[in-house]
Amino acid sequence: MTGRRADPEHDAVCASSAVHRVVVAPPGTGKTHLAVRLAGELTATLPLPPVPDTTIGARVLLLTFSNQARSQLDREAARQLDPLARRRVLVSNYHSLFWGAVRAHRRALGLPPRLQIVSTRRRAAALAVAAPAAMEALKRRKVPLDGLAEHRYPAFQDGRTPPPEELDVLLKGIAVEHRAGRLVFDDLGALFWQLLEEFPALAEGYLARFPVVVADEHQDASALQDAVIRRLAAQTKVIRADPMQLIHGFRGVSGDGLWCRSVDDLTCRWPGRDHDTAAGTADSARSLSR
C-alpha cells in the first residue's frame, strides 16, 4: 500500500485481534483514511482467487451511504492502495449494492425487465388510490412512507408500523407498484432482504464474495442496513468503521476518542436514529461508555 501516514492510534486499531471490531472516531481522527487502510490491509486475509492474476475472487466490501462519501473513499483508495489491493476492495453505498442485486435478480423477485426509481410523492398517489383509508391513517399518524416495504418483515417493525389490517392492504398496493417496475429508493433494501431470505444459495454467494465488510458511518444505518451487516457478520469478518459520530471527544484507543472493541458487546441503536426508542438510546450510551 502507498500513502500511509504515521499514526499510532490507527496502528493500534489495525493491530486489534478482534474478529468483529467497532471504531468510534470523532471528527478529525482520520476516519476516511483509516477505513481505506483497514480495507486494504484486510485484503491479505481474503481467500486466494481460483485463478490467480485472472480473477479477483473474494473482495473487501467498503460500504458507506451517500454518493459523495463513496467518491471520497474512492479517491482515498486510489491514493492509498496499490493496484492489487485496490482491485480487491469494492467501494459502494447501500443503495448501489441493493440496486445492483435487485436488477440482477429481478425475475426471481417478480419484477419486470424495466425498473424505474419513482418519487415518494408518486408512491403516495398510487397508494392513495389502492388503499385510501390506510393512507389517510398513515397521514394522521405522520408515519414515513419511504421505508414501508421493510415492515413486511417483523424484524423491522416498530412503533411506526401500521396495524396488521392496514399494513396488509398497503403492502398489497406496494406489490402492485413493484410488479409495474416502479420502486422508491427504500424499496431496494427490502427487496435485497427478500433475496437473502428466500434464496439461501444467493445469500451464501454474498458471504463468499464479501468475506470482509468495512461499514463506514454506521451511525446512519437503518435497522435493515444494520441487519444486513449483522447477517454477514454471523459468518464473516466484519469491521465497523465509525459507528457513532461524536461531536465532542478526545483521541486515544482506550480513551473517549478513537477506540476499538468487539461489536458483539454493543447495541446498534445510535442516538439520532428515527426508529430508536428513548430507552434504546440510553442503553447505547451506557454500552459505549463501558
C-alpha atoms as a PDB file:
ATOM      1  CA  MET A   1       0.000   0.000   0.000  1.00  0.00           C
ATOM      2  CA  THR A   2       1.045   3.605  -0.554  1.00  0.00           C
ATOM      3  CA  GLY A   3       0.198   6.932   1.029  1.00  0.00           C
ATOM      4  CA  ARG A   4       0.150   5.610   4.631  1.00  0.00           C
ATOM      5  CA  ARG A   5       0.724   8.224   7.287  1.00  0.00           C
ATOM      6  CA  ALA A   6       2.251   7.518  10.676  1.00  0.00           C
ATOM      7  CA  ASP A   7      -0.452   7.327  13.344  1.00  0.00           C
ATOM      8  CA  PRO A   8      -0.038   5.136  16.424  1.00  0.00           C
ATOM      9  CA  GLU A   9      -3.783   5.164  17.139  1.00  0.00           C
ATOM     10  CA  HIS A  10      -4.574   3.913  13.642  1.00  0.00           C
ATOM     11  CA  ASP A  11      -1.837   1.312  14.066  1.00  0.00           C
ATOM     12  CA  ALA A  12      -3.440   0.117  17.302  1.00  0.00           C
ATOM     13  CA  VAL A  13      -6.843  -0.272  15.662  1.00  0.00           C
ATOM     14  CA  CYS A  14      -5.372  -2.211  12.738  1.00  0.00           C
ATOM     15  CA  ALA A  15      -3.393  -4.417  15.116  1.00  0.00           C
ATOM     16  CA  SER A  16      -6.502  -5.470  17.042  1.00  0.00           C
ATOM     17  CA  SER A  17      -7.077  -9.218  17.050  1.00  0.00           C
ATOM     18  CA  ALA A  18     -10.880  -8.907  17.407  1.00  0.00           C
ATOM     19  CA  VAL A  19     -12.791 -10.638  14.640  1.00  0.00           C
ATOM     20  CA  HIS A  20     -15.575  -8.045  14.799  1.00  0.00           C
ATOM     21  CA  ARG A  21     -14.395  -4.536  15.544  1.00  0.00           C
ATOM     22  CA  VAL A  22     -16.054  -1.208  16.291  1.00  0.00           C
ATOM     23  CA  VAL A  23     -14.120   2.005  15.796  1.00  0.00           C
ATOM     24  CA  VAL A  24     -15.573   5.115  17.437  1.00  0.00           C
ATOM     25  CA  ALA A  25     -13.939   8.020  15.655  1.00  0.00           C
ATOM     26  CA  PRO A  26     -14.697  11.670  16.415  1.00  0.00           C
ATOM     27  CA  PRO A  27     -14.204  14.354  13.727  1.00  0.00           C
ATOM     28  CA  GLY A  28     -10.590  14.975  12.794  1.00  0.00           C
ATOM     29  CA  THR A  29      -9.320  11.494  13.621  1.00  0.00           C
ATOM     30  CA  GLY A  30      -8.862  10.401  10.006  1.00  0.00           C
ATOM     31  CA  LYS A  31     -11.928   8.166   9.607  1.00  0.00           C
ATOM     32  CA  THR A  32     -11.726   8.028   5.816  1.00  0.00           C
ATOM     33  CA  HIS A  33      -8.017   7.266   5.810  1.00  0.00           C
ATOM     34  CA  LEU A  34      -8.455   4.562   8.452  1.00  0.00           C
ATOM     35  CA  ALA A  35     -11.441   2.935   6.714  1.00  0.00           C
ATOM     36  CA  VAL A  36      -9.454   2.594   3.488  1.00  0.00           C
ATOM     37  CA  ARG A  37      -6.329   1.434   5.312  1.00  0.00           C
ATOM     38  CA  LEU A  38      -8.326  -1.245   7.157  1.00  0.00           C
ATOM     39  CA  ALA A  39      -9.909  -2.396   3.913  1.00  0.00           C
ATOM     40  CA  GLY A  40      -6.555  -2.549   2.173  1.00  0.00           C
ATOM     41  CA  GLU A  41      -4.796  -4.427   4.961  1.00  0.00           C
ATOM     42  CA  LEU A  42      -7.651  -6.895   5.266  1.00  0.00           C
ATOM     43  CA  THR A  43      -7.280  -7.924   1.628  1.00  0.00           C
ATOM     44  CA  ALA A  44      -4.381 -10.042   2.897  1.00  0.00           C
ATOM     45  CA  THR A  45      -6.883 -12.186   4.836  1.00  0.00           C
ATOM     46  CA  LEU A  46      -9.015 -12.964   1.778  1.00  0.00           C
ATOM     47  CA  PRO A  47      -9.027 -16.400   0.154  1.00  0.00           C
ATOM     48  CA  LEU A  48      -6.866 -16.587  -2.924  1.00  0.00           C
ATOM     49  CA  PRO A  49      -8.748 -16.270  -6.225  1.00  0.00           C
ATOM     50  CA  PRO A  50      -9.402 -19.568  -8.020  1.00  0.00           C
ATOM     51  CA  VAL A  51      -7.271 -18.497 -11.000  1.00  0.00           C
ATOM     52  CA  PRO A  52      -4.509 -16.120  -9.857  1.00  0.00           C
ATOM     53  CA  ASP A  53      -3.967 -12.975 -11.939  1.00  0.00           C
ATOM     54  CA  THR A  54      -7.122 -13.598 -13.994  1.00  0.00           C
ATOM     55  CA  THR A  55      -9.954 -13.416 -11.441  1.00  0.00           C
ATOM     56  CA  ILE A  56     -10.490 -11.139  -8.482  1.00  0.00           C
ATOM     57  CA  GLY A  57     -12.200 -13.686  -6.222  1.00  0.00           C
ATOM     58  CA  ALA A  58     -13.363 -12.569  -2.789  1.00  0.00           C
ATOM     59  CA  ARG A  59     -13.268  -8.853  -2.021  1.00  0.00           C
ATOM     60  CA  VAL A  60     -13.476  -6.475   0.911  1.00  0.00           C
ATOM     61  CA  LEU A  61     -16.764  -4.571   0.772  1.00  0.00           C
ATOM     62  CA  LEU A  62     -16.273  -0.972   1.940  1.00  0.00           C
ATOM     63  CA  LEU A  63     -19.760   0.433   2.495  1.00  0.00           C
ATOM     64  CA  THR A  64     -20.894   3.997   3.071  1.00  0.00           C
ATOM     65  CA  PHE A  65     -24.082   5.999   2.467  1.00  0.00           C
ATOM     66  CA  SER A  66     -24.030   8.944   0.088  1.00  0.00           C
ATOM     67  CA  ASN A  67     -22.583   9.161  -3.406  1.00  0.00           C
ATOM     68  CA  GLN A  68     -20.355  11.966  -2.144  1.00  0.00           C
ATOM     69  CA  ALA A  69     -18.912   9.782   0.626  1.00  0.00           C
ATOM     70  CA  ARG A  70     -18.428   6.968  -1.868  1.00  0.00           C
ATOM     71  CA  SER A  71     -16.478   9.284  -4.184  1.00  0.00           C
ATOM     72  CA  GLN A  72     -14.319  10.439  -1.289  1.00  0.00           C
ATOM     73  CA  LEU A  73     -13.494   6.843  -0.342  1.00  0.00           C
ATOM     74  CA  ASP A  74     -12.768   6.029  -3.997  1.00  0.00           C
ATOM     75  CA  ARG A  75     -10.288   8.893  -4.189  1.00  0.00           C
ATOM     76  CA  GLU A  76      -8.638   7.852  -0.937  1.00  0.00           C
ATOM     77  CA  ALA A  77      -8.434   4.229  -2.097  1.00  0.00           C
ATOM     78  CA  ALA A  78      -6.783   5.297  -5.381  1.00  0.00           C
ATOM     79  CA  ARG A  79      -4.253   7.352  -3.407  1.00  0.00           C
ATOM     80  CA  GLN A  80      -3.518   4.865  -0.658  1.00  0.00           C
ATOM     81  CA  LEU A  81      -3.803   1.350  -2.110  1.00  0.00           C
ATOM     82  CA  ASP A  82      -1.558  -0.388  -4.584  1.00  0.00           C
ATOM     83  CA  PRO A  83      -3.265  -1.699  -7.752  1.00  0.00           C
ATOM     84  CA  LEU A  84      -3.715  -5.266  -6.495  1.00  0.00           C
ATOM     85  CA  ALA A  85      -5.243  -4.206  -3.175  1.00  0.00           C
ATOM     86  CA  ARG A  86      -7.458  -1.682  -4.984  1.00  0.00           C
ATOM     87  CA  ARG A  87      -8.861  -4.416  -7.218  1.00  0.00           C
ATOM     88  CA  ARG A  88      -9.809  -6.421  -4.148  1.00  0.00           C
ATOM     89  CA  VAL A  89     -11.702  -3.598  -2.410  1.00  0.00           C
ATOM     90  CA  LEU A  90     -15.195  -2.734  -3.639  1.00  0.00           C
ATOM     91  CA  VAL A  91     -16.274   0.736  -2.529  1.00  0.00           C
ATOM     92  CA  SER A  92     -20.056   1.067  -2.606  1.00  0.00           C
ATOM     93  CA  ASN A  93     -23.007   2.580  -0.825  1.00  0.00           C
ATOM     94  CA  TYR A  94     -26.053   0.689   0.380  1.00  0.00           C
ATOM     95  CA  HIS A  95     -28.401   1.823  -2.375  1.00  0.00           C
ATOM     96  CA  SER A  96     -25.889   0.902  -5.086  1.00  0.00           C
ATOM     97  CA  LEU A  97     -25.288  -2.517  -3.532  1.00  0.00           C
ATOM     98  CA  PHE A  98     -29.009  -3.208  -3.204  1.00  0.00           C
ATOM     99  CA  TRP A  99     -29.840  -1.785  -6.645  1.00  0.00           C
ATOM    100  CA  GLY A 100     -27.269  -3.994  -8.343  1.00  0.00           C
ATOM    101  CA  ALA A 101     -28.666  -7.110  -6.664  1.00  0.00           C
ATOM    102  CA  VAL A 102     -32.284  -6.192  -7.406  1.00  0.00           C
ATOM    103  CA  ARG A 103     -31.572  -5.557 -11.085  1.00  0.00           C
ATOM    104  CA  ALA A 104     -29.558  -8.759 -11.436  1.00  0.00           C
ATOM    105  CA  HIS A 105     -32.265 -10.904  -9.821  1.00  0.00           C
ATOM    106  CA  ARG A 106     -35.414  -9.009 -10.783  1.00  0.00           C
ATOM    107  CA  ARG A 107     -37.082 -12.072 -12.334  1.00  0.00           C
ATOM    108  CA  ALA A 108     -36.689 -14.017  -9.091  1.00  0.00           C
ATOM    109  CA  LEU A 109     -38.289 -11.077  -7.281  1.00  0.00           C
ATOM    110  CA  GLY A 110     -41.226 -10.984  -9.678  1.00  0.00           C
ATOM    111  CA  LEU A 111     -40.158  -7.643 -11.146  1.00  0.00           C
ATOM    112  CA  PRO A 112     -40.416  -6.686 -14.828  1.00  0.00           C
ATOM    113  CA  PRO A 113     -37.379  -6.227 -17.098  1.00  0.00           C
ATOM    114  CA  ARG A 114     -37.610  -2.431 -16.937  1.00  0.00           C
ATOM    115  CA  LEU A 115     -37.300  -0.827 -13.493  1.00  0.00           C
ATOM    116  CA  GLN A 116     -37.513   2.817 -12.546  1.00  0.00           C
ATOM    117  CA  ILE A 117     -37.000   4.774  -9.334  1.00  0.00           C
ATOM    118  CA  VAL A 118     -40.011   6.972  -8.655  1.00  0.00           C
ATOM    119  CA  SER A 119     -40.597   9.687  -6.095  1.00  0.00           C
ATOM    120  CA  THR A 120     -42.240   9.174  -2.727  1.00  0.00           C
ATOM    121  CA  ARG A 121     -44.976  11.538  -3.898  1.00  0.00           C
ATOM    122  CA  ARG A 122     -45.781   9.241  -6.806  1.00  0.00           C
ATOM    123  CA  ARG A 123     -45.842   6.208  -4.491  1.00  0.00           C
ATOM    124  CA  ALA A 124     -48.179   8.074  -2.133  1.00  0.00           C
ATOM    125  CA  ALA A 125     -50.515   8.905  -5.018  1.00  0.00           C
ATOM    126  CA  ALA A 126     -50.607   5.268  -6.104  1.00  0.00           C
ATOM    127  CA  LEU A 127     -51.356   4.013  -2.587  1.00  0.00           C
ATOM    128  CA  ALA A 128     -53.996   6.694  -2.090  1.00  0.00           C
ATOM    129  CA  VAL A 129     -55.889   5.025  -4.929  1.00  0.00           C
ATOM    130  CA  ALA A 130     -55.154   1.433  -3.894  1.00  0.00           C
ATOM    131  CA  ALA A 131     -55.623   1.876  -0.134  1.00  0.00           C
ATOM    132  CA  PRO A 132     -57.257   5.257   0.579  1.00  0.00           C
ATOM    133  CA  ALA A 133     -58.330   4.568   4.172  1.00  0.00           C
ATOM    134  CA  ALA A 134     -54.936   3.162   5.160  1.00  0.00           C
ATOM    135  CA  MET A 135     -53.141   6.104   3.574  1.00  0.00           C
ATOM    136  CA  GLU A 136     -55.321   8.561   5.463  1.00  0.00           C
ATOM    137  CA  ALA A 137     -54.459   6.747   8.680  1.00  0.00           C
ATOM    138  CA  LEU A 138     -50.747   6.973   7.835  1.00  0.00           C
ATOM    139  CA  LYS A 139     -51.039  10.712   7.303  1.00  0.00           C
ATOM    140  CA  ARG A 140     -52.839  11.212  10.606  1.00  0.00           C
ATOM    141  CA  ARG A 141     -50.122   9.317  12.468  1.00  0.00           C
ATOM    142  CA  LYS A 142     -47.358  11.017  10.418  1.00  0.00           C
ATOM    143  CA  VAL A 143     -45.795   7.665   9.550  1.00  0.00           C
ATOM    144  CA  PRO A 144     -42.979   7.905   6.936  1.00  0.00           C
ATOM    145  CA  LEU A 145     -43.878   6.198   3.674  1.00  0.00           C
ATOM    146  CA  ASP A 146     -40.386   5.608   2.247  1.00  0.00           C
ATOM    147  CA  GLY A 147     -39.425   2.525   4.273  1.00  0.00           C
ATOM    148  CA  LEU A 148     -42.871   0.967   4.448  1.00  0.00           C
ATOM    149  CA  ALA A 149     -41.889  -2.058   2.319  1.00  0.00           C
ATOM    150  CA  GLU A 150     -39.440  -3.106   5.055  1.00  0.00           C
ATOM    151  CA  HIS A 151     -42.331  -3.521   7.504  1.00  0.00           C
ATOM    152  CA  ARG A 152     -43.276  -6.707   5.697  1.00  0.00           C
ATOM    153  CA  TYR A 153     -40.672  -8.324   7.947  1.00  0.00           C
ATOM    154  CA  PRO A 154     -41.364  -8.467  11.711  1.00  0.00           C
ATOM    155  CA  ALA A 155     -37.685  -7.753  12.438  1.00  0.00           C
ATOM    156  CA  PHE A 156     -38.114  -4.227  11.041  1.00  0.00           C
ATOM    157  CA  GLN A 157     -41.462  -3.419  12.584  1.00  0.00           C
ATOM    158  CA  ASP A 158     -41.589  -0.823  15.327  1.00  0.00           C
ATOM    159  CA  GLY A 159     -43.893   1.752  16.854  1.00  0.00           C
ATOM    160  CA  ARG A 160     -44.490   3.293  13.437  1.00  0.00           C
ATOM    161  CA  THR A 161     -45.738   0.064  11.861  1.00  0.00           C
ATOM    162  CA  PRO A 162     -49.428   0.327  10.855  1.00  0.00           C
ATOM    163  CA  PRO A 163     -51.913  -2.140  12.381  1.00  0.00           C
ATOM    164  CA  PRO A 164     -51.894  -5.533  10.608  1.00  0.00           C
ATOM    165  CA  GLU A 165     -55.031  -4.934   8.548  1.00  0.00           C
ATOM    166  CA  GLU A 166     -53.750  -1.551   7.312  1.00  0.00           C
ATOM    167  CA  LEU A 167     -50.244  -2.866   6.705  1.00  0.00           C
ATOM    168  CA  ASP A 168     -51.585  -5.767   4.667  1.00  0.00           C
ATOM    169  CA  VAL A 169     -53.520  -3.561   2.270  1.00  0.00           C
ATOM    170  CA  LEU A 170     -50.617  -1.106   1.945  1.00  0.00           C
ATOM    171  CA  LEU A 171     -48.146  -3.891   1.184  1.00  0.00           C
ATOM    172  CA  LYS A 172     -50.514  -5.238  -1.465  1.00  0.00           C
ATOM    173  CA  GLY A 173     -50.544  -1.791  -3.062  1.00  0.00           C
ATOM    174  CA  ILE A 174     -46.737  -1.679  -2.961  1.00  0.00           C
ATOM    175  CA  ALA A 175     -46.591  -5.135  -4.554  1.00  0.00           C
ATOM    176  CA  VAL A 176     -48.694  -3.829  -7.449  1.00  0.00           C
ATOM    177  CA  GLU A 177     -46.203  -0.981  -7.899  1.00  0.00           C
ATOM    178  CA  HIS A 178     -43.322  -3.442  -7.821  1.00  0.00           C
ATOM    179  CA  ARG A 179     -44.897  -5.625 -10.495  1.00  0.00           C
ATOM    180  CA  ALA A 180     -45.148  -2.497 -12.628  1.00  0.00           C
ATOM    181  CA  GLY A 181     -41.438  -1.820 -12.063  1.00  0.00           C
ATOM    182  CA  ARG A 182     -41.950   1.329 -10.012  1.00  0.00           C
ATOM    183  CA  LEU A 183     -39.672   1.434  -6.953  1.00  0.00           C
ATOM    184  CA  VAL A 184     -38.763   4.053  -4.394  1.00  0.00           C
ATOM    185  CA  PHE A 185     -35.198   4.070  -3.077  1.00  0.00           C
ATOM    186  CA  ASP A 186     -36.052   2.465   0.247  1.00  0.00           C
ATOM    187  CA  ASP A 187     -37.743  -0.457  -1.524  1.00  0.00           C
ATOM    188  CA  LEU A 188     -34.288  -1.591  -2.590  1.00  0.00           C
ATOM    189  CA  GLY A 189     -33.273  -2.636   0.908  1.00  0.00           C
ATOM    190  CA  ALA A 190     -36.486  -4.580   1.430  1.00  0.00           C
ATOM    191  CA  LEU A 191     -36.035  -6.362  -1.896  1.00  0.00           C
ATOM    192  CA  PHE A 192     -32.397  -7.165  -1.103  1.00  0.00           C
ATOM    193  CA  TRP A 193     -33.508  -8.641   2.217  1.00  0.00           C
ATOM    194  CA  GLN A 194     -36.116 -10.689   0.343  1.00  0.00           C
ATOM    195  CA  LEU A 195     -33.342 -12.150  -1.804  1.00  0.00           C
ATOM    196  CA  LEU A 196     -31.351 -13.124   1.298  1.00  0.00           C
ATOM    197  CA  GLU A 197     -34.410 -14.646   2.955  1.00  0.00           C
ATOM    198  CA  GLU A 198     -35.860 -16.571   0.010  1.00  0.00           C
ATOM    199  CA  PHE A 199     -32.716 -17.661  -1.827  1.00  0.00           C
ATOM    200  CA  PRO A 200     -30.171 -19.253   0.561  1.00  0.00           C
ATOM    201  CA  ALA A 201     -27.729 -20.009  -2.254  1.00  0.00           C
ATOM    202  CA  LEU A 202     -27.659 -16.320  -3.167  1.00  0.00           C
ATOM    203  CA  ALA A 203     -27.083 -15.351   0.463  1.00  0.00           C
ATOM    204  CA  GLU A 204     -24.200 -17.814   0.640  1.00  0.00           C
ATOM    205  CA  GLY A 205     -22.816 -16.304  -2.545  1.00  0.00           C
ATOM    206  CA  TYR A 206     -22.697 -12.862  -0.950  1.00  0.00           C
ATOM    207  CA  LEU A 207     -20.902 -14.315   2.072  1.00  0.00           C
ATOM    208  CA  ALA A 208     -18.306 -15.881  -0.207  1.00  0.00           C
ATOM    209  CA  ARG A 209     -17.924 -12.810  -2.384  1.00  0.00           C
ATOM    210  CA  PHE A 210     -17.548 -10.386   0.532  1.00  0.00           C
ATOM    211  CA  PRO A 211     -15.966 -12.211   3.485  1.00  0.00           C
ATOM    212  CA  VAL A 212     -14.875  -8.855   4.940  1.00  0.00           C
ATOM    213  CA  VAL A 213     -17.077  -5.785   5.336  1.00  0.00           C
ATOM    214  CA  VAL A 214     -15.952  -2.334   6.441  1.00  0.00           C
ATOM    215  CA  ALA A 215     -19.094  -0.341   7.299  1.00  0.00           C
ATOM    216  CA  ASP A 216     -18.336   3.372   7.300  1.00  0.00           C
ATOM    217  CA  GLU A 217     -20.515   5.956   9.110  1.00  0.00           C
ATOM    218  CA  HIS A 218     -22.566   3.166  10.627  1.00  0.00           C
ATOM    219  CA  GLN A 219     -24.403   5.540  12.947  1.00  0.00           C
ATOM    220  CA  ASP A 220     -26.565   6.435   9.938  1.00  0.00           C
ATOM    221  CA  ALA A 221     -27.600   2.831   9.236  1.00  0.00           C
ATOM    222  CA  SER A 222     -31.280   1.956   9.242  1.00  0.00           C
ATOM    223  CA  ALA A 223     -32.475  -1.117  11.102  1.00  0.00           C
ATOM    224  CA  LEU A 224     -32.460  -3.073   7.836  1.00  0.00           C
ATOM    225  CA  GLN A 225     -28.998  -1.898   6.789  1.00  0.00           C
ATOM    226  CA  ASP A 226     -27.656  -2.829  10.196  1.00  0.00           C
ATOM    227  CA  ALA A 227     -29.336  -6.237   9.927  1.00  0.00           C
ATOM    228  CA  VAL A 228     -27.661  -6.841   6.549  1.00  0.00           C
ATOM    229  CA  ILE A 229     -24.252  -6.160   8.104  1.00  0.00           C
ATOM    230  CA  ARG A 230     -25.026  -8.321  11.120  1.00  0.00           C
ATOM    231  CA  ARG A 231     -26.201 -11.118   8.853  1.00  0.00           C
ATOM    232  CA  LEU A 232     -22.878 -11.060   7.085  1.00  0.00           C
ATOM    233  CA  ALA A 233     -21.152 -10.771  10.444  1.00  0.00           C
ATOM    234  CA  ALA A 234     -22.531 -14.136  11.504  1.00  0.00           C
ATOM    235  CA  GLN A 235     -20.128 -15.917   9.143  1.00  0.00           C
ATOM    236  CA  THR A 236     -17.591 -13.328   8.087  1.00  0.00           C
ATOM    237  CA  LYS A 237     -15.047 -10.925   9.492  1.00  0.00           C
ATOM    238  CA  VAL A 238     -16.833  -7.561   9.804  1.00  0.00           C
ATOM    239  CA  ILE A 239     -15.242  -4.225  10.590  1.00  0.00           C
ATOM    240  CA  ARG A 240     -17.428  -1.297  11.617  1.00  0.00           C
ATOM    241  CA  ALA A 241     -15.741   1.993  10.994  1.00  0.00           C
ATOM    242  CA  ASP A 242     -17.177   4.996  12.845  1.00  0.00           C
ATOM    243  CA  PRO A 243     -20.417   3.521  14.212  1.00  0.00           C
ATOM    244  CA  MET A 244     -21.222   6.754  16.020  1.00  0.00           C
ATOM    245  CA  GLN A 245     -20.261  10.330  15.246  1.00  0.00           C
ATOM    246  CA  LEU A 246     -19.042  12.004  18.437  1.00  0.00           C
ATOM    247  CA  ILE A 247     -19.254  15.790  18.443  1.00  0.00           C
ATOM    248  CA  HIS A 248     -17.004  16.001  21.497  1.00  0.00           C
ATOM    249  CA  GLY A 249     -14.231  13.597  22.380  1.00  0.00           C
ATOM    250  CA  PHE A 250     -10.518  13.091  22.655  1.00  0.00           C
ATOM    251  CA  ARG A 251      -8.294  10.788  20.692  1.00  0.00           C
ATOM    252  CA  GLY A 252      -6.907   7.615  22.202  1.00  0.00           C
ATOM    253  CA  VAL A 253      -7.608   3.978  21.523  1.00  0.00           C
ATOM    254  CA  SER A 254      -8.592   3.285  25.128  1.00  0.00           C
ATOM    255  CA  GLY A 255      -9.949   6.747  25.927  1.00  0.00           C
ATOM    256  CA  ASP A 256     -13.045   8.652  24.906  1.00  0.00           C
ATOM    257  CA  GLY A 257     -11.988   9.225  21.326  1.00  0.00           C
ATOM    258  CA  LEU A 258     -10.784   6.754  18.718  1.00  0.00           C
ATOM    259  CA  TRP A 259     -11.009   3.233  20.084  1.00  0.00           C
ATOM    260  CA  CYS A 260     -11.771  -0.289  19.074  1.00  0.00           C
ATOM    261  CA  ARG A 261     -13.716  -3.153  20.605  1.00  0.00           C
ATOM    262  CA  SER A 262     -15.788  -6.209  19.730  1.00  0.00           C
ATOM    263  CA  VAL A 263     -19.086  -5.337  18.057  1.00  0.00           C
ATOM    264  CA  ASP A 264     -20.912  -8.127  19.847  1.00  0.00           C
ATOM    265  CA  ASP A 265     -20.904  -6.135  23.096  1.00  0.00           C
ATOM    266  CA  LEU A 266     -22.769  -3.174  21.640  1.00  0.00           C
ATOM    267  CA  THR A 267     -26.269  -2.389  20.563  1.00  0.00           C
ATOM    268  CA  CYS A 268     -26.590  -0.575  17.263  1.00  0.00           C
ATOM    269  CA  ARG A 269     -29.160   1.930  18.491  1.00  0.00           C
ATOM    270  CA  TRP A 270     -27.235   5.119  17.976  1.00  0.00           C
ATOM    271  CA  PRO A 271     -28.754   8.415  19.168  1.00  0.00           C
ATOM    272  CA  GLY A 272     -30.483  10.284  16.364  1.00  0.00           C
ATOM    273  CA  ARG A 273     -31.859   7.240  14.540  1.00  0.00           C
ATOM    274  CA  ASP A 274     -35.576   7.753  13.888  1.00  0.00           C
ATOM    275  CA  HIS A 275     -36.563   4.212  14.820  1.00  0.00           C
ATOM    276  CA  ASP A 276     -34.826   4.263  18.203  1.00  0.00           C
ATOM    277  CA  THR A 277     -36.681   4.482  21.452  1.00  0.00           C
ATOM    278  CA  ALA A 278     -35.509   6.681  24.300  1.00  0.00           C
ATOM    279  CA  ALA A 279     -34.613   3.533  26.254  1.00  0.00           C
ATOM    280  CA  GLY A 280     -32.612   2.171  23.323  1.00  0.00           C
ATOM    281  CA  THR A 281     -30.675   5.414  23.025  1.00  0.00           C
ATOM    282  CA  ALA A 282     -29.892   5.334  26.756  1.00  0.00           C
ATOM    283  CA  ASP A 283     -28.757   1.705  26.509  1.00  0.00           C
ATOM    284  CA  SER A 284     -26.480   2.632  23.619  1.00  0.00           C
ATOM    285  CA  ALA A 285     -24.906   5.494  25.536  1.00  0.00           C
ATOM    286  CA  ARG A 286     -24.276   3.234  28.521  1.00  0.00           C
ATOM    287  CA  SER A 287     -22.738   0.471  26.412  1.00  0.00           C
ATOM    288  CA  LEU A 288     -20.477   2.927  24.645  1.00  0.00           C
ATOM    289  CA  SER A 289     -19.295   4.350  27.963  1.00  0.00           C
ATOM    290  CA  ARG A 290     -18.057   0.995  29.249  1.00  0.00           C
END
